[in-house]
Amino acid sequence: MILIDDLDRCLPETVIRVLENLKNHLTISRCVCVLALDARIVYQGISVKYGGAMVDGREYLEKFLNYSRTAVSSIRARSSAS
């Protein structure tokens, strides 16, 4: 298992490098990768990185992901309950 946390805190160039390097490991049998990130920030960073090429950040990231799950932050959950 490969766990990558806080990818959304990296510079767009770093995010692209990590994803492209990670792609090489995704072909390994039984390899599981977990990315913990704020997808909106990563989408925006990818779009900024490839801004002139009209690359959609969501589409780019979805090429790497088989499954995605959304977790509500405890801060957001608490403020909604008030």
Protein backbone atom coordinates (compact mmCIF):
# COMPACT_ATOMS: atom_id res chain seq x y z
CA MET A 1 0.00 0.00 0.00
CA ILE A 2 1.15 3.50 -0.84
CA LEU A 3 -0.35 6.33 1.23
CA ILE A 4 0.11 9.93 0.14
CA ASP A 5 -1.32 12.63 2.40
CA ASP A 6 -1.56 16.40 1.89
CA LEU A 7 -0.91 16.30 -1.86
CA ASP A 8 -3.09 19.41 -2.06
CA ARG A 9 -0.42 21.35 -0.13
CA CYS A 10 2.24 20.80 -2.81
CA LEU A 11 3.07 23.07 -5.71
CA PRO A 12 1.28 22.11 -8.96
CA GLU A 13 4.57 20.93 -10.51
CA THR A 14 5.16 18.60 -7.56
CA VAL A 15 1.62 17.22 -7.74
CA ILE A 16 2.09 16.37 -11.43
CA ARG A 17 5.46 14.72 -10.75
CA VAL A 18 4.05 12.63 -7.89
CA LEU A 19 1.05 11.52 -9.95
CA GLU A 20 3.17 10.64 -12.98
CA ASN A 21 5.62 8.64 -10.85
CA LEU A 22 2.77 6.98 -9.00
CA LYS A 23 1.25 5.88 -12.30
CA ASN A 24 4.23 3.53 -12.79
CA HIS A 25 3.35 1.68 -9.57
CA LEU A 26 -0.34 1.31 -10.36
CA THR A 27 0.39 -1.49 -12.82
CA ILE A 28 1.86 -3.68 -10.06
CA SER A 29 -0.48 -6.48 -9.07
CA ARG A 30 -2.20 -5.94 -5.71
CA CYS A 31 -0.71 -2.46 -5.29
CA VAL A 32 -3.13 -0.13 -3.55
CA CYS A 33 -2.61 3.60 -3.40
CA VAL A 34 -4.50 5.98 -1.13
CA LEU A 35 -4.40 9.71 -1.81
CA ALA A 36 -5.65 12.02 0.93
CA LEU A 37 -6.24 15.45 -0.56
CA ASP A 38 -8.62 18.30 -1.16
CA ALA A 39 -9.53 17.43 -4.74
CA ARG A 40 -10.69 20.97 -5.58
CA ILE A 41 -7.22 22.35 -4.81
CA VAL A 42 -5.49 19.63 -6.82
CA TYR A 43 -7.86 20.15 -9.78
CA GLN A 44 -7.08 23.85 -9.72
CA GLY A 45 -3.32 23.26 -9.46
CA ILE A 46 -3.36 20.88 -12.43
CA SER A 47 -5.38 23.37 -14.46
CA VAL A 48 -2.93 26.15 -13.58
CA LYS A 49 0.07 23.97 -14.47
CA TYR A 50 -1.37 23.16 -17.91
CA GLY A 51 -3.32 26.42 -18.27
CA GLY A 52 -2.38 27.09 -21.87
CA ALA A 53 -3.25 23.54 -22.94
CA MET A 54 -6.87 23.63 -21.72
CA VAL A 55 -6.39 20.63 -19.41
CA ASP A 56 -9.26 19.96 -17.03
CA GLY A 57 -7.84 19.16 -13.59
CA ARG A 58 -10.70 16.82 -12.69
CA GLU A 59 -10.31 14.78 -15.89
CA TYR A 60 -6.53 14.60 -15.45
CA LEU A 61 -6.80 13.29 -11.87
CA GLU A 62 -9.58 10.84 -12.74
CA LYS A 63 -7.23 9.12 -15.21
CA PHE A 64 -5.23 7.96 -12.18
CA LEU A 65 -8.09 7.06 -9.86
CA ASN A 66 -10.22 3.93 -10.00
CA TYR A 67 -12.28 4.85 -6.96
CA SER A 68 -12.75 7.99 -4.95
CA ARG A 69 -14.42 8.64 -1.64
CA THR A 70 -15.29 11.94 -0.04
CA ALA A 71 -14.82 12.46 3.67
CA VAL A 72 -16.44 15.38 5.43
CA SER A 73 -14.03 17.13 7.73
CA SER A 74 -14.98 17.11 11.40
CA ILE A 75 -14.80 20.92 11.44
CA ARG A 76 -17.31 21.19 8.61
CA ALA A 77 -19.56 18.58 10.20
CA ARG A 78 -19.56 20.40 13.55
CA SER A 79 -20.33 23.80 12.01
CA SER A 80 -23.22 22.29 9.99
CA ALA A 81 -24.71 20.76 13.15
CA SER A 82 -24.83 24.13 14.94
